[in-house]
Amino acid sequence: MTGTFGNLTVDAVARVYGASELGVLAVTAPGEAHPRVEYVGGELFVGLDERDGSAVTQGQAEAWSQPFSDTVAATVASAGSLPDPVDGVILVEDEQVAASVLVESSRIEVGDVTGPPVVFVLSRDRLAIVGADDEAGIARVLDLAEQLYDEGGRLVSAHPVVLSDGAWAPCPWRERHPSLEMRFERVLRLFAVRAYEAQSVALQRPDVHLADPKIRVLDSGVTTTFAAWPKGTATLLPVVDNVIIADPSGALSVATMDQFLDAAGDAVVRTGLSPLRYFVPGEPPRPSQD
């Protein structure tokens, strides 16, 4: 969309962000260089890119006479129409249309889905809309989420939002669909692993070990995550189900995340990183640990 706002001409397209990506950008592009975004709901935000692909930053937006929210609304107003639902699911594969749904929820017509609309923004070009009462449709969206993870692309969020009183709010899927809990928990862990991988690239430094989570599927079919802590080594530890403690002697032990934090007490520091990591103090890592 090209528009003139005050004495400034803006040629921009909408950009969908998840909280984890913004958390990484808080490290790589802080302050005035950070993308300016509008909060939508749950873990979702909408910002603007210039035509060259660079994000409109907080520093740039502060110089505008037009409110940023108005600029975003004007940008998405020209987005195309939503696709027709297929088996109860509307799959949006255009980021501009996806952003327009998040900014203007009234674009979803009553009757297109069964129950209040639920939105999954799995990636920037894969937004799925399904009815909150359509358990089979939600299961198909979770299938798509796993497929996108397997394909290795950039993901946005596995946390759906539901339309409530005209605004997007976190979807209480545990209460609505307890039979899908195992599927949801698996997808949440897959997306978390991908988010931590992206974060590690931004946090690389020689004096701290970056422990990334790994996936493990138990014999029961439950998907869990684990990360290793080389005992005595300064580490940024992700939030996982289990921590494997590697003693320098070669011995291994396992603790749940809660057990590990309880045992460490005040020695472990909760950081302000997103996704969340805990700093475990110690010596700089040896080269073989990275």
Foldseek 3Di string as FASTA:
>chain_A
DWDDFDNDIAAKAKFKAFQLVQLLCCLVQNDQRRADWADAEDRITMFIAGPVRRGCGNVNQVPTPDHRLVVLQVRLVPPDAWDQDDPQKTWFQDLSPVSNCSSAVPSDDPPSEDAFWKWDQFDSRTIMIHHLQPPVVVVVVLVVSVVVLVVPDQTHDLFIWTQDPNGTYTDPCCVSPVVCVQSSQQSRVSNQLSSLVSSCVSPDDQQEAEWGWDWDQDPVRHIFIETEDAPQGWYWAAQTQKYWYQYPVRDIDIDGPVVVCVVCDPQWAWDPGVVTTITHDHGGDDPVRD
